[in-house]
All heavy atoms as atom14 arrays in JSON, in Angstrom:
{
  "sequence": "MDAANPTALPPLSPNGLWSDFGSVNESHFKFS",
  "atom14_mask": [
    [1, 1, 1, 1, 1, 1, 1, 1, 0, 0, 0, 0, 0, 0],
    [1, 1, 1, 1, 1, 1, 1, 1, 0, 0, 0, 0, 0, 0],
    [1, 1, 1, 1, 1, 0, 0, 0, 0, 0, 0, 0, 0, 0],
    [1, 1, 1, 1, 1, 0, 0, 0, 0, 0, 0, 0, 0, 0],
    [1, 1, 1, 1, 1, 1, 1, 1, 0, 0, 0, 0, 0, 0],
    [1, 1, 1, 1, 1, 1, 1, 0, 0, 0, 0, 0, 0, 0],
    [1, 1, 1, 1, 1, 1, 1, 0, 0, 0, 0, 0, 0, 0],
    [1, 1, 1, 1, 1, 0, 0, 0, 0, 0, 0, 0, 0, 0],
    [1, 1, 1, 1, 1, 1, 1, 1, 0, 0, 0, 0, 0, 0],
    [1, 1, 1, 1, 1, 1, 1, 0, 0, 0, 0, 0, 0, 0],
    [1, 1, 1, 1, 1, 1, 1, 0, 0, 0, 0, 0, 0, 0],
    [1, 1, 1, 1, 1, 1, 1, 1, 0, 0, 0, 0, 0, 0],
    [1, 1, 1, 1, 1, 1, 0, 0, 0, 0, 0, 0, 0, 0],
    [1, 1, 1, 1, 1, 1, 1, 0, 0, 0, 0, 0, 0, 0],
    [1, 1, 1, 1, 1, 1, 1, 1, 0, 0, 0, 0, 0, 0],
    [1, 1, 1, 1, 0, 0, 0, 0, 0, 0, 0, 0, 0, 0],
    [1, 1, 1, 1, 1, 1, 1, 1, 0, 0, 0, 0, 0, 0],
    [1, 1, 1, 1, 1, 1, 1, 1, 1, 1, 1, 1, 1, 1],
    [1, 1, 1, 1, 1, 1, 0, 0, 0, 0, 0, 0, 0, 0],
    [1, 1, 1, 1, 1, 1, 1, 1, 0, 0, 0, 0, 0, 0],
    [1, 1, 1, 1, 1, 1, 1, 1, 1, 1, 1, 0, 0, 0],
    [1, 1, 1, 1, 0, 0, 0, 0, 0, 0, 0, 0, 0, 0],
    [1, 1, 1, 1, 1, 1, 0, 0, 0, 0, 0, 0, 0, 0],
    [1, 1, 1, 1, 1, 1, 1, 0, 0, 0, 0, 0, 0, 0],
    [1, 1, 1, 1, 1, 1, 1, 1, 0, 0, 0, 0, 0, 0],
    [1, 1, 1, 1, 1, 1, 1, 1, 1, 0, 0, 0, 0, 0],
    [1, 1, 1, 1, 1, 1, 0, 0, 0, 0, 0, 0, 0, 0],
    [1, 1, 1, 1, 1, 1, 1, 1, 1, 1, 0, 0, 0, 0],
    [1, 1, 1, 1, 1, 1, 1, 1, 1, 1, 1, 0, 0, 0],
    [1, 1, 1, 1, 1, 1, 1, 1, 1, 0, 0, 0, 0, 0],
    [1, 1, 1, 1, 1, 1, 1, 1, 1, 1, 1, 0, 0, 0],
    [1, 1, 1, 1, 1, 1, 0, 0, 0, 0, 0, 0, 0, 0]
  ],
  "atom14_positions": [
    [[21.89, 58.05, 3.8], [22.41, 56.99, 2.91], [23.63, 57.23, 2.15], [24.11, 58.45, 2.23], [21.25, 56.59, 1.86], [20.81, 57.84, 1.04], [19.23, 57.44, 0.26], [18.35, 58.8, 0.48], [0.0, 0.0, 0.0], [0.0, 0.0, 0.0], [0.0, 0.0, 0.0], [0.0, 0.0, 0.0], [0.0, 0.0, 0.0], [0.0, 0.0, 0.0]],
    [[24.28, 56.36, 1.5], [25.53, 56.61, 0.78], [25.14, 57.52, -0.47], [24.3, 57.13, -1.26], [26.01, 55.29, 0.25], [27.31, 55.26, -0.54], [27.72, 56.44, -0.82], [27.85, 54.33, -0.88], [0.0, 0.0, 0.0], [0.0, 0.0, 0.0], [0.0, 0.0, 0.0], [0.0, 0.0, 0.0], [0.0, 0.0, 0.0], [0.0, 0.0, 0.0]],
    [[25.65, 58.68, -0.53], [25.48, 59.58, -1.67], [25.72, 58.99, -3.04], [25.03, 59.34, -3.98], [26.21, 60.92, -1.37], [0.0, 0.0, 0.0], [0.0, 0.0, 0.0], [0.0, 0.0, 0.0], [0.0, 0.0, 0.0], [0.0, 0.0, 0.0], [0.0, 0.0, 0.0], [0.0, 0.0, 0.0], [0.0, 0.0, 0.0], [0.0, 0.0, 0.0]],
    [[26.67, 58.13, -3.1], [27.07, 57.51, -4.39], [26.2, 56.33, -4.77], [26.09, 55.91, -5.96], [28.55, 56.99, -4.28], [0.0, 0.0, 0.0], [0.0, 0.0, 0.0], [0.0, 0.0, 0.0], [0.0, 0.0, 0.0], [0.0, 0.0, 0.0], [0.0, 0.0, 0.0], [0.0, 0.0, 0.0], [0.0, 0.0, 0.0], [0.0, 0.0, 0.0]],
    [[25.42, 55.8, -3.86], [24.51, 54.74, -4.11], [23.16, 54.87, -3.29], [22.79, 54.12, -2.44], [25.2, 53.43, -3.71], [24.33, 52.31, -4.22], [23.58, 52.31, -5.08], [24.65, 51.17, -3.5], [0.0, 0.0, 0.0], [0.0, 0.0, 0.0], [0.0, 0.0, 0.0], [0.0, 0.0, 0.0], [0.0, 0.0, 0.0], [0.0, 0.0, 0.0]],
    [[22.34, 56.04, -3.64], [21.15, 56.33, -2.89], [20.1, 55.2, -3.04], [20.16, 54.48, -4.05], [20.69, 57.67, -3.42], [21.32, 57.77, -4.83], [22.62, 56.92, -4.73], [0.0, 0.0, 0.0], [0.0, 0.0, 0.0], [0.0, 0.0, 0.0], [0.0, 0.0, 0.0], [0.0, 0.0, 0.0], [0.0, 0.0, 0.0], [0.0, 0.0, 0.0]],
    [[19.32, 55.07, -2.03], [18.2, 54.0, -2.05], [16.83, 54.74, -1.69], [16.94, 55.82, -1.19], [18.57, 52.92, -1.08], [17.64, 51.88, -1.3], [18.61, 53.4, 0.25], [0.0, 0.0, 0.0], [0.0, 0.0, 0.0], [0.0, 0.0, 0.0], [0.0, 0.0, 0.0], [0.0, 0.0, 0.0], [0.0, 0.0, 0.0], [0.0, 0.0, 0.0]],
    [[15.77, 54.01, -1.81], [14.51, 54.57, -1.38], [14.38, 54.38, 0.12], [14.78, 53.31, 0.7], [13.37, 53.83, -2.02], [0.0, 0.0, 0.0], [0.0, 0.0, 0.0], [0.0, 0.0, 0.0], [0.0, 0.0, 0.0], [0.0, 0.0, 0.0], [0.0, 0.0, 0.0], [0.0, 0.0, 0.0], [0.0, 0.0, 0.0], [0.0, 0.0, 0.0]],
    [[13.88, 55.46, 0.8], [13.69, 55.36, 2.22], [12.18, 54.98, 2.54], [11.37, 55.37, 1.74], [13.91, 56.75, 2.89], [15.42, 57.19, 2.81], [15.48, 58.65, 3.26], [16.25, 56.3, 3.75], [0.0, 0.0, 0.0], [0.0, 0.0, 0.0], [0.0, 0.0, 0.0], [0.0, 0.0, 0.0], [0.0, 0.0, 0.0], [0.0, 0.0, 0.0]],
    [[12.01, 54.31, 3.65], [10.56, 53.8, 3.9], [9.65, 54.97, 4.31], [10.09, 55.89, 4.95], [10.72, 52.82, 4.94], [12.08, 53.29, 5.72], [12.84, 53.8, 4.65], [0.0, 0.0, 0.0], [0.0, 0.0, 0.0], [0.0, 0.0, 0.0], [0.0, 0.0, 0.0], [0.0, 0.0, 0.0], [0.0, 0.0, 0.0], [0.0, 0.0, 0.0]],
    [[8.43, 54.99, 3.89], [7.56, 56.13, 4.3], [7.27, 55.85, 5.86], [7.17, 54.76, 6.31], [6.3, 55.89, 3.55], [6.3, 54.49, 3.07], [7.74, 54.09, 2.94], [0.0, 0.0, 0.0], [0.0, 0.0, 0.0], [0.0, 0.0, 0.0], [0.0, 0.0, 0.0], [0.0, 0.0, 0.0], [0.0, 0.0, 0.0], [0.0, 0.0, 0.0]],
    [[7.18, 57.06, 6.66], [6.98, 56.77, 8.03], [5.48, 57.11, 8.38], [5.1, 56.62, 9.59], [7.87, 57.85, 8.84], [9.38, 57.68, 8.6], [10.14, 58.72, 9.33], [9.8, 56.29, 8.87], [0.0, 0.0, 0.0], [0.0, 0.0, 0.0], [0.0, 0.0, 0.0], [0.0, 0.0, 0.0], [0.0, 0.0, 0.0], [0.0, 0.0, 0.0]],
    [[4.71, 57.64, 7.49], [3.34, 57.8, 7.76], [2.7, 58.16, 6.45], [3.5, 58.63, 5.46], [3.0, 58.98, 8.8], [3.27, 60.2, 8.28], [0.0, 0.0, 0.0], [0.0, 0.0, 0.0], [0.0, 0.0, 0.0], [0.0, 0.0, 0.0], [0.0, 0.0, 0.0], [0.0, 0.0, 0.0], [0.0, 0.0, 0.0], [0.0, 0.0, 0.0]],
    [[1.47, 58.07, 6.28], [0.81, 58.52, 4.92], [0.79, 60.07, 4.68], [0.5, 60.41, 3.67], [-0.63, 57.93, 5.07], [-0.86, 57.53, 6.56], [0.47, 57.51, 7.18], [0.0, 0.0, 0.0], [0.0, 0.0, 0.0], [0.0, 0.0, 0.0], [0.0, 0.0, 0.0], [0.0, 0.0, 0.0], [0.0, 0.0, 0.0], [0.0, 0.0, 0.0]],
    [[1.08, 60.74, 5.78], [1.0, 62.17, 5.68], [2.32, 62.89, 5.77], [2.52, 63.75, 6.57], [0.0, 62.8, 6.75], [-1.34, 62.26, 6.63], [-1.85, 62.06, 5.58], [-2.01, 61.96, 7.86], [0.0, 0.0, 0.0], [0.0, 0.0, 0.0], [0.0, 0.0, 0.0], [0.0, 0.0, 0.0], [0.0, 0.0, 0.0], [0.0, 0.0, 0.0]],
    [[3.29, 62.5, 4.93], [4.54, 63.09, 4.88], [5.41, 62.62, 3.69], [4.98, 61.66, 2.91], [0.0, 0.0, 0.0], [0.0, 0.0, 0.0], [0.0, 0.0, 0.0], [0.0, 0.0, 0.0], [0.0, 0.0, 0.0], [0.0, 0.0, 0.0], [0.0, 0.0, 0.0], [0.0, 0.0, 0.0], [0.0, 0.0, 0.0], [0.0, 0.0, 0.0]],
    [[6.63, 63.12, 3.64], [7.5, 62.73, 2.52], [8.94, 63.01, 2.94], [9.14, 63.79, 3.9], [7.16, 63.4, 1.22], [7.2, 64.95, 1.3], [8.45, 65.45, 0.86], [5.97, 65.48, 0.49], [0.0, 0.0, 0.0], [0.0, 0.0, 0.0], [0.0, 0.0, 0.0], [0.0, 0.0, 0.0], [0.0, 0.0, 0.0], [0.0, 0.0, 0.0]],
    [[9.76, 62.36, 2.31], [11.33, 62.63, 2.53], [11.72, 63.79, 1.7], [11.37, 63.76, 0.44], [12.07, 61.28, 2.2], [11.97, 60.32, 3.2], [11.29, 59.07, 2.94], [12.47, 60.16, 4.5], [11.31, 58.36, 4.16], [12.14, 58.98, 5.07], [13.27, 61.02, 5.25], [12.51, 58.56, 6.31], [13.73, 60.59, 6.5], [13.26, 59.39, 7.06]],
    [[12.38, 64.74, 2.31], [12.9, 65.83, 1.51], [14.36, 65.95, 1.63], [14.97, 65.65, 2.66], [12.34, 67.17, 2.12], [10.87, 67.17, 1.98], [0.0, 0.0, 0.0], [0.0, 0.0, 0.0], [0.0, 0.0, 0.0], [0.0, 0.0, 0.0], [0.0, 0.0, 0.0], [0.0, 0.0, 0.0], [0.0, 0.0, 0.0], [0.0, 0.0, 0.0]],
    [[15.01, 66.46, 0.51], [16.46, 66.6, 0.63], [16.92, 67.54, 1.67], [16.38, 68.64, 1.86], [17.1, 67.03, -0.83], [18.5, 67.11, -0.85], [19.18, 66.19, -0.32], [19.03, 68.03, -1.44], [0.0, 0.0, 0.0], [0.0, 0.0, 0.0], [0.0, 0.0, 0.0], [0.0, 0.0, 0.0], [0.0, 0.0, 0.0], [0.0, 0.0, 0.0]],
    [[17.91, 67.15, 2.47], [18.42, 68.0, 3.5], [19.88, 68.45, 3.31], [20.44, 69.29, 3.97], [18.27, 67.44, 4.93], [18.42, 68.27, 6.03], [17.64, 69.27, 6.32], [19.64, 68.17, 6.83], [17.76, 70.21, 7.4], [19.9, 68.96, 7.97], [18.91, 70.01, 8.19], [0.0, 0.0, 0.0], [0.0, 0.0, 0.0], [0.0, 0.0, 0.0]],
    [[20.49, 67.67, 2.32], [21.97, 68.05, 1.97], [22.77, 66.76, 2.04], [22.34, 65.66, 1.93], [0.0, 0.0, 0.0], [0.0, 0.0, 0.0], [0.0, 0.0, 0.0], [0.0, 0.0, 0.0], [0.0, 0.0, 0.0], [0.0, 0.0, 0.0], [0.0, 0.0, 0.0], [0.0, 0.0, 0.0], [0.0, 0.0, 0.0], [0.0, 0.0, 0.0]],
    [[24.1, 66.99, 2.32], [25.01, 65.98, 2.38], [26.08, 66.33, 3.47], [26.21, 67.44, 3.68], [25.72, 65.63, 1.05], [26.44, 66.75, 0.65], [0.0, 0.0, 0.0], [0.0, 0.0, 0.0], [0.0, 0.0, 0.0], [0.0, 0.0, 0.0], [0.0, 0.0, 0.0], [0.0, 0.0, 0.0], [0.0, 0.0, 0.0], [0.0, 0.0, 0.0]],
    [[26.88, 65.31, 3.85], [27.91, 65.58, 4.8], [28.96, 64.41, 4.57], [28.66, 63.31, 4.39], [27.37, 65.55, 6.25], [26.85, 64.12, 6.67], [28.5, 66.03, 7.24], [0.0, 0.0, 0.0], [0.0, 0.0, 0.0], [0.0, 0.0, 0.0], [0.0, 0.0, 0.0], [0.0, 0.0, 0.0], [0.0, 0.0, 0.0], [0.0, 0.0, 0.0]],
    [[30.21, 64.77, 4.78], [31.25, 63.81, 4.69], [31.41, 62.93, 5.95], [31.07, 63.58, 7.04], [32.63, 64.5, 4.58], [33.74, 63.53, 4.27], [34.38, 62.98, 5.21], [34.14, 63.37, 3.06], [0.0, 0.0, 0.0], [0.0, 0.0, 0.0], [0.0, 0.0, 0.0], [0.0, 0.0, 0.0], [0.0, 0.0, 0.0], [0.0, 0.0, 0.0]],
    [[31.76, 61.75, 6.0], [31.73, 60.86, 7.08], [32.55, 61.5, 8.16], [32.35, 61.29, 9.41], [32.28, 59.46, 6.82], [33.67, 59.37, 6.37], [34.04, 57.95, 6.03], [34.31, 57.12, 6.98], [34.19, 57.67, 4.86], [0.0, 0.0, 0.0], [0.0, 0.0, 0.0], [0.0, 0.0, 0.0], [0.0, 0.0, 0.0], [0.0, 0.0, 0.0]],
    [[33.68, 62.19, 8.02], [34.48, 62.79, 9.02], [33.78, 63.84, 9.81], [34.18, 64.18, 10.85], [35.72, 63.45, 8.39], [35.48, 64.44, 7.62], [0.0, 0.0, 0.0], [0.0, 0.0, 0.0], [0.0, 0.0, 0.0], [0.0, 0.0, 0.0], [0.0, 0.0, 0.0], [0.0, 0.0, 0.0], [0.0, 0.0, 0.0], [0.0, 0.0, 0.0]],
    [[32.62, 64.45, 9.33], [31.78, 65.35, 10.08], [30.57, 64.76, 10.61], [29.72, 65.48, 11.3], [31.47, 66.54, 9.16], [32.68, 67.32, 8.79], [33.31, 68.15, 9.56], [33.36, 67.43, 7.47], [34.36, 68.78, 8.92], [34.3, 68.22, 7.6], [0.0, 0.0, 0.0], [0.0, 0.0, 0.0], [0.0, 0.0, 0.0], [0.0, 0.0, 0.0]],
    [[30.39, 63.5, 10.49], [29.08, 62.86, 10.92], [29.44, 62.02, 12.2], [30.14, 60.96, 12.11], [28.53, 62.03, 9.85], [27.14, 61.35, 10.18], [26.26, 62.06, 10.88], [26.88, 60.16, 9.68], [25.08, 61.47, 11.15], [25.69, 59.56, 9.88], [24.78, 60.25, 10.72], [0.0, 0.0, 0.0], [0.0, 0.0, 0.0], [0.0, 0.0, 0.0]],
    [[28.91, 62.36, 13.22], [29.14, 61.7, 14.6], [28.75, 60.19, 14.58], [29.42, 59.44, 15.19], [28.27, 62.42, 15.72], [28.42, 61.81, 17.02], [27.68, 62.67, 18.08], [27.83, 62.09, 19.43], [27.03, 62.96, 20.46], [0.0, 0.0, 0.0], [0.0, 0.0, 0.0], [0.0, 0.0, 0.0], [0.0, 0.0, 0.0], [0.0, 0.0, 0.0]],
    [[27.78, 59.82, 13.75], [27.34, 58.49, 13.81], [27.72, 57.7, 12.57], [26.98, 56.74, 12.14], [25.78, 58.43, 13.91], [25.33, 59.09, 15.23], [24.76, 60.4, 15.07], [25.45, 58.51, 16.47], [24.32, 61.05, 16.25], [25.04, 59.16, 17.55], [24.53, 60.51, 17.42], [0.0, 0.0, 0.0], [0.0, 0.0, 0.0], [0.0, 0.0, 0.0]],
    [[28.85, 58.13, 11.97], [29.32, 57.46, 10.67], [29.43, 55.93, 10.78], [29.1, 55.18, 9.85], [30.44, 58.18, 10.01], [31.62, 58.0, 10.95], [0.0, 0.0, 0.0], [0.0, 0.0, 0.0], [0.0, 0.0, 0.0], [0.0, 0.0, 0.0], [0.0, 0.0, 0.0], [0.0, 0.0, 0.0], [0.0, 0.0, 0.0], [0.0, 0.0, 0.0]]
  ]
}
């Protein structure tokens, strides 16, 4: 998501959660 305007991500199953993995600039993200 946009780091400047984060949003809630949908749950994918009842047995899990979203955890922070970091950030990346669009110039380093293949699928920007």
